[in-house]
Amino acid sequence: MIQLHEVSRSFQLGEHRVLGLDHLDLEVADGEYLAITGASGSGKSTLLNILGLLDAPDSGEVWLDERATRLLDEPGRAALRSRLIGFVFQSFHLVPRLTALENIELPMLLAGIDPAERRRRSLALAGRLGLEDRLDHHPGELSGGQRQRVAIARAMVMRPRLLLADEPTGNLDSQSGEEVVALLEELNAEGLTLVLVTHDDRHAARAGRRIAMRDGRILCDRRRSAS
């Protein structure tokens, strides 16, 4: 599913050049559940942006679904994102003026999918995520856990094969956070490739594989034993 080879990315901050990723190699198999941990500034967000085709490396190569991506133009990256990748963020990124149902439908609207199909897919996902009675509510009328479930439904409605979750429990209470992680794990158990960035060691420990980053490099790479 994912292959990174010698990927580097740096940024200009004032007079200084900061290295976000430093010749990083990584492979993630189809259906894998990978947690990424590390202190602020370790390169986690830079890596997730590269994986999500929101940014391109300065050097090295990134393959997604066996396709080289570094030289794709923005329309090419957008088309691959739409087909392959779903995103879940710490801050939800819901559109305040849209209802929960309209937020879920939004990616399909942008993709030109027929209204009847948009509604069918949205209602099916909302039912699965326990949102049936909240679909006519706006984000400001929902709890944090409900907003994150709407965000997950929106991420899944285009039927991606890869889900990138950036601190998805960061703005939630512990119970809602556990529910969100359990939901993501259910999706992974059905074959979805899940990459989770988290500061929560309890959540990271549940992943099938965990990498820790520091200074743009992978410090350690461990797999959870079957037991």
Protein backbone atom coordinates (compact mmCIF):
# COMPACT_ATOMS: atom_id res chain seq x y z
CA MET A 1 0.00 0.00 0.00
CA ILE A 2 2.71 2.52 1.05
CA GLN A 3 6.41 2.67 0.19
CA LEU A 4 8.74 5.53 1.07
CA HIS A 5 12.36 5.48 -0.03
CA GLU A 6 14.94 8.04 1.14
CA VAL A 7 12.26 10.68 1.64
CA SER A 8 13.43 14.08 2.89
CA ARG A 9 11.47 17.27 3.49
CA SER A 10 12.70 20.54 4.97
CA PHE A 11 11.16 23.92 5.73
CA GLN A 12 12.45 27.48 5.97
CA LEU A 13 11.70 29.01 9.38
CA GLY A 14 13.13 32.52 9.46
CA GLU A 15 16.84 32.25 8.85
CA HIS A 16 16.96 28.54 9.61
CA ARG A 17 16.27 25.49 7.49
CA VAL A 18 14.45 22.84 9.56
CA LEU A 19 14.53 19.20 8.53
CA GLY A 20 11.08 17.59 8.81
CA LEU A 21 11.97 14.20 7.35
CA ASP A 22 15.52 12.93 7.00
CA HIS A 23 16.03 10.21 4.34
CA LEU A 24 13.14 8.19 5.73
CA ASP A 25 12.29 4.66 4.55
CA LEU A 26 8.93 3.08 5.37
CA GLU A 27 6.69 0.34 4.04
CA VAL A 28 3.09 -0.24 5.13
CA ALA A 29 1.18 -3.27 3.89
CA ASP A 30 -2.43 -3.40 2.78
CA GLY A 31 -4.69 -3.69 5.82
CA GLU A 32 -1.99 -2.81 8.34
CA TYR A 33 -2.68 -0.81 11.51
CA LEU A 34 0.24 1.54 12.14
CA ALA A 35 0.56 4.00 15.03
CA ILE A 36 3.06 6.85 14.76
CA THR A 37 4.35 8.46 17.96
CA GLY A 38 6.96 11.04 18.84
CA ALA A 39 7.41 14.44 20.44
CA SER A 40 6.26 17.64 18.78
CA GLY A 41 8.64 18.44 15.94
CA SER A 42 9.64 14.81 15.44
CA GLY A 43 8.21 14.67 11.91
CA LYS A 44 4.87 12.94 12.51
CA SER A 45 2.70 15.57 10.85
CA THR A 46 5.15 16.04 8.00
CA LEU A 47 5.05 12.31 7.35
CA LEU A 48 1.26 12.24 7.43
CA ASN A 49 1.08 15.15 4.99
CA ILE A 50 3.42 13.31 2.63
CA LEU A 51 1.36 10.10 2.90
CA GLY A 52 -1.85 12.05 2.31
CA LEU A 53 -0.43 13.79 -0.79
CA LEU A 54 -0.98 17.14 0.89
CA ASP A 55 2.74 17.85 0.46
CA ALA A 56 5.55 16.50 -1.72
CA PRO A 57 9.06 15.53 -0.56
CA ASP A 58 12.15 17.47 -1.55
CA SER A 59 13.82 14.20 -2.49
CA GLY A 60 13.17 10.49 -2.41
CA GLU A 61 10.11 8.69 -3.68
CA VAL A 62 6.65 7.88 -2.37
CA TRP A 63 4.55 5.05 -3.81
CA LEU A 64 0.87 4.68 -2.94
CA ASP A 65 -0.98 1.69 -4.29
CA GLU A 66 2.10 0.93 -6.44
CA ARG A 67 2.04 4.36 -8.05
CA ALA A 68 4.94 6.83 -7.83
CA THR A 69 3.58 10.15 -6.57
CA ARG A 70 6.40 12.68 -6.10
CA LEU A 71 6.13 14.19 -9.58
CA LEU A 72 2.34 14.28 -9.74
CA ASP A 73 0.84 17.73 -10.26
CA GLU A 74 -1.91 18.94 -7.91
CA PRO A 75 -4.81 17.65 -10.06
CA GLY A 76 -3.10 14.25 -10.14
CA ARG A 77 -2.59 14.25 -6.37
CA ALA A 78 -6.18 15.34 -5.80
CA ALA A 79 -7.52 12.56 -8.00
CA LEU A 80 -5.46 9.94 -6.16
CA ARG A 81 -6.48 11.34 -2.76
CA SER A 82 -10.14 11.20 -3.71
CA ARG A 83 -9.88 7.60 -4.85
CA LEU A 84 -7.59 6.19 -2.21
CA ILE A 85 -7.35 8.24 1.01
CA GLY A 86 -9.62 9.35 3.85
CA PHE A 87 -8.59 11.85 6.53
CA VAL A 88 -9.64 12.27 10.17
CA PHE A 89 -8.25 15.24 12.11
CA GLN A 90 -8.04 16.30 15.74
CA SER A 91 -10.15 19.42 15.10
CA PHE A 92 -12.83 17.65 13.03
CA HIS A 93 -12.78 20.27 10.21
CA LEU A 94 -16.55 20.11 9.75
CA VAL A 95 -18.31 22.94 7.90
CA PRO A 96 -20.29 24.83 10.60
CA ARG A 97 -23.14 25.95 8.34
CA LEU A 98 -23.81 22.42 7.06
CA THR A 99 -25.78 19.76 8.90
CA ALA A 100 -24.17 16.48 9.89
CA LEU A 101 -25.74 14.81 6.85
CA GLU A 102 -24.51 17.55 4.52
CA ASN A 103 -20.99 17.30 5.98
CA ILE A 104 -20.95 13.56 5.33
CA GLU A 105 -22.20 14.08 1.76
CA LEU A 106 -19.70 16.86 0.97
CA PRO A 107 -16.90 14.73 -0.60
CA MET A 108 -19.45 13.02 -2.85
CA LEU A 109 -20.93 16.37 -3.85
CA LEU A 110 -17.47 17.60 -4.85
CA ALA A 111 -16.92 14.36 -6.79
CA GLY A 112 -20.16 14.81 -8.72
CA ILE A 113 -21.90 11.73 -7.36
CA ASP A 114 -25.65 11.49 -7.95
CA PRO A 115 -27.79 12.93 -5.09
CA ALA A 116 -29.67 9.66 -4.54
CA GLU A 117 -26.40 7.74 -4.22
CA ARG A 118 -24.98 10.42 -1.89
CA ARG A 119 -27.96 10.07 0.41
CA ARG A 120 -27.91 6.27 0.33
CA ARG A 121 -24.22 6.06 1.28
CA SER A 122 -24.50 8.79 3.92
CA LEU A 123 -27.50 7.26 5.66
CA ALA A 124 -25.86 3.82 5.67
CA LEU A 125 -22.70 5.15 7.33
CA ALA A 126 -24.65 7.34 9.75
CA GLY A 127 -26.68 4.33 10.84
CA ARG A 128 -23.57 2.31 11.45
CA LEU A 129 -21.98 5.11 13.50
CA GLY A 130 -25.06 5.79 15.62
CA LEU A 131 -25.80 9.18 14.11
CA GLU A 132 -29.32 8.57 12.79
CA ASP A 133 -30.98 11.05 15.15
CA ARG A 134 -28.31 13.76 14.74
CA LEU A 135 -28.22 14.16 10.96
CA ASP A 136 -30.20 17.42 10.87
CA HIS A 137 -28.01 18.99 13.56
CA HIS A 138 -25.14 21.38 12.85
CA PRO A 139 -21.65 20.72 14.27
CA GLY A 140 -22.16 23.26 17.06
CA GLU A 141 -25.11 21.21 18.30
CA LEU A 142 -23.12 17.98 18.55
CA SER A 143 -20.82 16.62 21.25
CA GLY A 144 -17.13 16.17 20.49
CA GLY A 145 -17.56 12.44 20.05
CA GLN A 146 -20.50 12.94 17.69
CA ARG A 147 -18.55 15.47 15.63
CA GLN A 148 -15.67 13.04 15.30
CA ARG A 149 -18.03 10.28 14.19
CA VAL A 150 -19.43 12.64 11.54
CA ALA A 151 -15.84 13.33 10.46
CA ILE A 152 -15.12 9.59 10.23
CA ALA A 153 -18.28 9.05 8.17
CA ARG A 154 -17.20 11.86 5.85
CA ALA A 155 -13.75 10.29 5.53
CA MET A 156 -15.21 6.87 4.72
CA VAL A 157 -18.02 7.86 2.36
CA MET A 158 -15.76 7.75 -0.72
CA ARG A 159 -14.73 4.22 0.25
CA PRO A 160 -10.98 4.81 0.65
CA ARG A 161 -8.46 2.03 1.16
CA LEU A 162 -6.21 4.13 3.40
CA LEU A 163 -7.33 6.16 6.42
CA LEU A 164 -4.96 8.73 7.94
CA ALA A 165 -5.98 9.80 11.45
CA ASP A 166 -4.08 12.74 12.97
CA GLU A 167 -4.62 12.81 16.76
CA PRO A 168 -8.31 11.91 16.30
CA THR A 169 -8.92 11.72 20.08
CA GLY A 170 -6.98 14.87 20.99
CA ASN A 171 -10.10 17.01 21.58
CA LEU A 172 -12.23 14.28 23.15
CA ASP A 173 -12.86 13.08 26.69
CA SER A 174 -11.45 9.66 27.52
CA GLN A 175 -14.69 7.72 26.94
CA SER A 176 -15.37 9.36 23.57
CA GLY A 177 -11.73 8.81 22.62
CA GLU A 178 -11.99 5.11 23.38
CA GLU A 179 -15.15 4.87 21.28
CA VAL A 180 -13.50 6.59 18.33
CA VAL A 181 -10.41 4.37 18.48
CA ALA A 182 -12.60 1.27 18.72
CA LEU A 183 -14.50 2.42 15.63
CA LEU A 184 -11.28 2.97 13.69
CA GLU A 185 -10.12 -0.49 14.72
CA GLU A 186 -13.38 -2.01 13.44
CA LEU A 187 -12.76 -0.40 10.06
CA ASN A 188 -9.20 -1.71 10.06
CA ALA A 189 -10.44 -5.23 10.89
CA GLU A 190 -12.54 -5.05 7.71
CA GLY A 191 -9.42 -4.48 5.61
CA LEU A 192 -8.88 -0.72 5.72
CA THR A 193 -5.25 0.37 6.07
CA LEU A 194 -5.07 2.61 9.15
CA VAL A 195 -2.27 5.06 10.01
CA LEU A 196 -2.83 6.74 13.36
CA VAL A 197 -0.75 9.62 14.73
CA THR A 198 -1.18 9.81 18.49
CA HIS A 199 0.42 11.07 21.70
CA ASP A 200 -1.59 8.54 23.71
CA ASP A 201 0.56 5.51 24.54
CA ARG A 202 -2.52 3.44 25.38
CA HIS A 203 -3.92 3.90 21.88
CA ALA A 204 -0.54 3.39 20.22
CA ALA A 205 -0.06 0.13 22.11
CA ARG A 206 -3.23 -1.27 20.54
CA ALA A 207 -1.92 -0.97 16.99
CA GLY A 208 -0.48 -3.96 15.21
CA ARG A 209 2.65 -1.95 14.54
CA ARG A 210 4.12 1.13 16.15
CA ILE A 211 6.89 3.46 15.04
CA ALA A 212 8.45 6.22 17.13
CA MET A 213 9.95 9.23 15.39
CA ARG A 214 12.62 11.74 16.37
CA ASP A 215 14.29 14.44 14.27
CA GLY A 216 12.61 13.28 11.10
CA ARG A 217 13.78 9.69 11.40
CA ILE A 218 12.24 6.44 12.63
CA LEU A 219 13.73 5.76 16.04
CA CYS A 220 12.15 2.32 16.49
CA ASP A 221 9.71 0.09 14.63
CA ARG A 222 7.90 -2.59 16.64
CA ARG A 223 5.14 -5.04 15.88
CA ARG A 224 2.70 -6.27 18.50
CA SER A 225 2.92 -10.01 19.12
CA ALA A 226 -0.09 -12.11 18.17
CA SER A 227 -0.60 -13.03 21.80
